[in-house]
Amino acid sequence: MRLLLDTHCWLWWLVEPERLSKTAQEAIIAFDNELLLSVASIWEIAVDTAYQSYRRCCRLLTMPTLQLFTETT
């Protein structure tokens, strides 16, 4: 059987397999099943990672004790 894993299912399988049902876990590890992942999942993870990095940068730049060094010499 061909199984198309969505982004959450794939990530849970990798880092938190206990979040998946027993049936889903068994289907994923079955040797006779072909696992598929959409390129949209890779794009979704890339966008989310970029957004999280952007948010971290914004928080860092608004820290009250932070002074930006702007000298160009």
N, C-alpha and C. Protein backbone atom coordinates (compact mmCIF):
# COMPACT_ATOMS: atom_id res chain seq x y z
N MET A 1 0.84 -1.17 0.00
CA MET A 1 0.00 0.00 0.00
C MET A 1 0.89 1.24 0.00
N ARG A 2 0.46 2.28 -0.69
CA ARG A 2 1.18 3.55 -0.71
C ARG A 2 0.55 4.48 0.32
N LEU A 3 1.37 5.01 1.22
CA LEU A 3 0.88 5.91 2.27
C LEU A 3 1.48 7.30 2.06
N LEU A 4 0.62 8.28 1.87
CA LEU A 4 1.07 9.67 1.76
C LEU A 4 0.96 10.29 3.15
N LEU A 5 2.11 10.56 3.75
CA LEU A 5 2.13 11.14 5.09
C LEU A 5 2.01 12.65 5.00
N ASP A 6 1.13 13.22 5.81
CA ASP A 6 1.08 14.68 5.85
C ASP A 6 2.21 15.17 6.76
N THR A 7 2.41 16.46 6.81
CA THR A 7 3.55 17.03 7.52
C THR A 7 3.55 16.64 8.99
N HIS A 8 2.41 16.81 9.66
CA HIS A 8 2.36 16.50 11.09
C HIS A 8 2.61 15.02 11.36
N CYS A 9 2.01 14.18 10.57
CA CYS A 9 2.20 12.74 10.75
C CYS A 9 3.68 12.37 10.59
N TRP A 10 4.32 12.91 9.59
CA TRP A 10 5.73 12.63 9.34
C TRP A 10 6.61 13.11 10.50
N LEU A 11 6.37 14.35 10.94
CA LEU A 11 7.17 14.89 12.04
C LEU A 11 6.93 14.12 13.34
N TRP A 12 5.68 13.79 13.62
CA TRP A 12 5.37 13.01 14.83
C TRP A 12 6.05 11.65 14.77
N TRP A 13 6.03 11.04 13.61
CA TRP A 13 6.67 9.73 13.45
C TRP A 13 8.16 9.82 13.77
N LEU A 14 8.77 10.95 13.36
CA LEU A 14 10.20 11.13 13.58
C LEU A 14 10.55 11.48 15.03
N VAL A 15 9.76 12.34 15.66
CA VAL A 15 10.15 12.86 16.98
C VAL A 15 9.19 12.51 18.13
N GLU A 16 7.94 12.23 17.83
CA GLU A 16 6.98 11.89 18.88
C GLU A 16 6.02 10.80 18.39
N PRO A 17 6.53 9.62 18.10
CA PRO A 17 5.67 8.58 17.53
C PRO A 17 4.49 8.20 18.42
N GLU A 18 4.60 8.45 19.70
CA GLU A 18 3.49 8.13 20.61
C GLU A 18 2.24 8.98 20.34
N ARG A 19 2.39 10.06 19.61
CA ARG A 19 1.24 10.89 19.25
C ARG A 19 0.38 10.25 18.16
N LEU A 20 0.96 9.29 17.45
CA LEU A 20 0.23 8.58 16.39
C LEU A 20 -0.54 7.41 16.99
N SER A 21 -1.65 7.10 16.37
CA SER A 21 -2.41 5.93 16.82
C SER A 21 -1.60 4.67 16.58
N LYS A 22 -1.94 3.61 17.27
CA LYS A 22 -1.26 2.32 17.09
C LYS A 22 -1.40 1.86 15.64
N THR A 23 -2.57 2.07 15.06
CA THR A 23 -2.81 1.68 13.67
C THR A 23 -1.89 2.44 12.72
N ALA A 24 -1.76 3.74 12.95
CA ALA A 24 -0.88 4.56 12.09
C ALA A 24 0.57 4.11 12.24
N GLN A 25 1.01 3.87 13.45
CA GLN A 25 2.39 3.41 13.67
C GLN A 25 2.65 2.09 12.95
N GLU A 26 1.71 1.17 13.06
CA GLU A 26 1.88 -0.13 12.41
C GLU A 26 1.92 0.00 10.89
N ALA A 27 1.09 0.90 10.34
CA ALA A 27 1.08 1.09 8.89
C ALA A 27 2.40 1.69 8.41
N ILE A 28 2.95 2.61 9.18
CA ILE A 28 4.20 3.26 8.79
C ILE A 28 5.38 2.29 8.82
N ILE A 29 5.43 1.42 9.82
CA ILE A 29 6.58 0.54 9.94
C ILE A 29 6.44 -0.76 9.14
N ALA A 30 5.26 -0.99 8.56
CA ALA A 30 5.07 -2.21 7.77
C ALA A 30 6.00 -2.18 6.54
N PHE A 31 6.77 -3.24 6.36
CA PHE A 31 7.75 -3.31 5.27
C PHE A 31 7.11 -3.27 3.88
N ASP A 32 5.88 -3.75 3.76
CA ASP A 32 5.26 -3.81 2.44
C ASP A 32 4.54 -2.52 2.06
N ASN A 33 4.58 -1.49 2.92
CA ASN A 33 3.99 -0.20 2.58
C ASN A 33 5.05 0.75 2.05
N GLU A 34 4.66 1.52 1.06
CA GLU A 34 5.55 2.53 0.48
C GLU A 34 5.18 3.88 1.09
N LEU A 35 6.13 4.52 1.76
CA LEU A 35 5.87 5.81 2.39
C LEU A 35 6.18 6.94 1.42
N LEU A 36 5.26 7.88 1.32
CA LEU A 36 5.42 9.02 0.43
C LEU A 36 5.30 10.30 1.25
N LEU A 37 6.03 11.32 0.85
CA LEU A 37 5.98 12.63 1.48
C LEU A 37 5.90 13.67 0.38
N SER A 38 4.95 14.53 0.48
CA SER A 38 4.77 15.57 -0.53
C SER A 38 5.87 16.62 -0.42
N VAL A 39 6.26 17.17 -1.55
CA VAL A 39 7.22 18.28 -1.51
C VAL A 39 6.61 19.47 -0.79
N ALA A 40 5.28 19.54 -0.72
CA ALA A 40 4.62 20.62 0.01
C ALA A 40 4.97 20.55 1.50
N SER A 41 5.21 19.34 2.02
CA SER A 41 5.61 19.20 3.42
C SER A 41 6.98 19.82 3.66
N ILE A 42 7.89 19.62 2.74
CA ILE A 42 9.22 20.22 2.86
C ILE A 42 9.11 21.74 2.82
N TRP A 43 8.29 22.24 1.90
CA TRP A 43 8.06 23.68 1.79
C TRP A 43 7.45 24.22 3.09
N GLU A 44 6.46 23.51 3.63
CA GLU A 44 5.79 23.94 4.86
C GLU A 44 6.79 24.04 6.01
N ILE A 45 7.67 23.07 6.14
CA ILE A 45 8.67 23.09 7.20
C ILE A 45 9.66 24.24 6.99
N ALA A 46 10.06 24.48 5.75
CA ALA A 46 10.99 25.58 5.45
C ALA A 46 10.36 26.93 5.79
N VAL A 47 9.11 27.11 5.43
CA VAL A 47 8.42 28.37 5.72
C VAL A 47 8.29 28.55 7.23
N ASP A 48 7.89 27.50 7.93
CA ASP A 48 7.73 27.58 9.38
C ASP A 48 9.07 27.88 10.06
N THR A 49 10.13 27.25 9.60
CA THR A 49 11.46 27.48 10.17
C THR A 49 11.88 28.92 9.95
N ALA A 50 11.65 29.44 8.76
CA ALA A 50 12.00 30.83 8.46
C ALA A 50 11.20 31.78 9.33
N TYR A 51 9.92 31.50 9.50
CA TYR A 51 9.06 32.35 10.33
C TYR A 51 9.53 32.34 11.78
N GLN A 52 9.87 31.16 12.30
CA GLN A 52 10.34 31.06 13.68
C GLN A 52 11.66 31.82 13.85
N SER A 53 12.55 31.73 12.87
CA SER A 53 13.81 32.47 12.92
C SER A 53 13.56 33.96 12.90
N TYR A 54 12.62 34.39 12.07
CA TYR A 54 12.26 35.81 11.99
C TYR A 54 11.73 36.29 13.34
N ARG A 55 10.87 35.51 13.96
CA ARG A 55 10.31 35.90 15.26
C ARG A 55 11.39 35.98 16.32
N ARG A 56 12.34 35.03 16.30
CA ARG A 56 13.44 35.06 17.26
C ARG A 56 14.29 36.32 17.06
N CYS A 57 14.56 36.65 15.81
CA CYS A 57 15.36 37.85 15.51
C CYS A 57 14.63 39.10 15.99
N CYS A 58 13.33 39.16 15.76
CA CYS A 58 12.55 40.33 16.20
C CYS A 58 12.60 40.47 17.71
N ARG A 59 12.48 39.36 18.42
CA ARG A 59 12.55 39.41 19.89
C ARG A 59 13.93 39.88 20.33
N LEU A 60 14.97 39.38 19.68
CA LEU A 60 16.33 39.78 20.06
C LEU A 60 16.57 41.27 19.80
N LEU A 61 16.06 41.75 18.68
CA LEU A 61 16.29 43.16 18.32
C LEU A 61 15.51 44.12 19.20
N THR A 62 14.50 43.64 19.89
CA THR A 62 13.71 44.52 20.75
C THR A 62 14.07 44.37 22.23
N MET A 63 15.14 43.65 22.52
CA MET A 63 15.58 43.52 23.91
C MET A 63 16.02 44.89 24.41
N PRO A 64 15.56 45.31 25.59
CA PRO A 64 15.88 46.66 26.08
C PRO A 64 17.38 46.88 26.31
N THR A 65 18.14 45.85 26.58
CA THR A 65 19.57 46.03 26.86
C THR A 65 20.43 45.92 25.61
N LEU A 66 19.82 45.68 24.48
CA LEU A 66 20.57 45.49 23.24
C LEU A 66 20.83 46.81 22.56
N GLN A 67 22.09 47.03 22.18
CA GLN A 67 22.45 48.21 21.40
C GLN A 67 23.02 47.72 20.08
N LEU A 68 22.49 48.23 19.01
CA LEU A 68 22.97 47.81 17.70
C LEU A 68 24.23 48.56 17.33
N PHE A 69 25.22 47.84 16.84
CA PHE A 69 26.47 48.44 16.40
C PHE A 69 26.30 48.82 14.94
N THR A 70 26.42 50.10 14.64
CA THR A 70 26.17 50.57 13.27
C THR A 70 27.38 51.23 12.63
N GLU A 71 28.51 51.24 13.30
CA GLU A 71 29.70 51.87 12.74
C GLU A 71 30.21 51.06 11.56
N THR A 72 30.57 51.73 10.49
CA THR A 72 30.98 51.03 9.26
C THR A 72 32.43 51.22 8.91
N THR A 73 33.24 51.79 9.78
CA THR A 73 34.65 52.01 9.44
C THR A 73 35.50 50.80 9.68
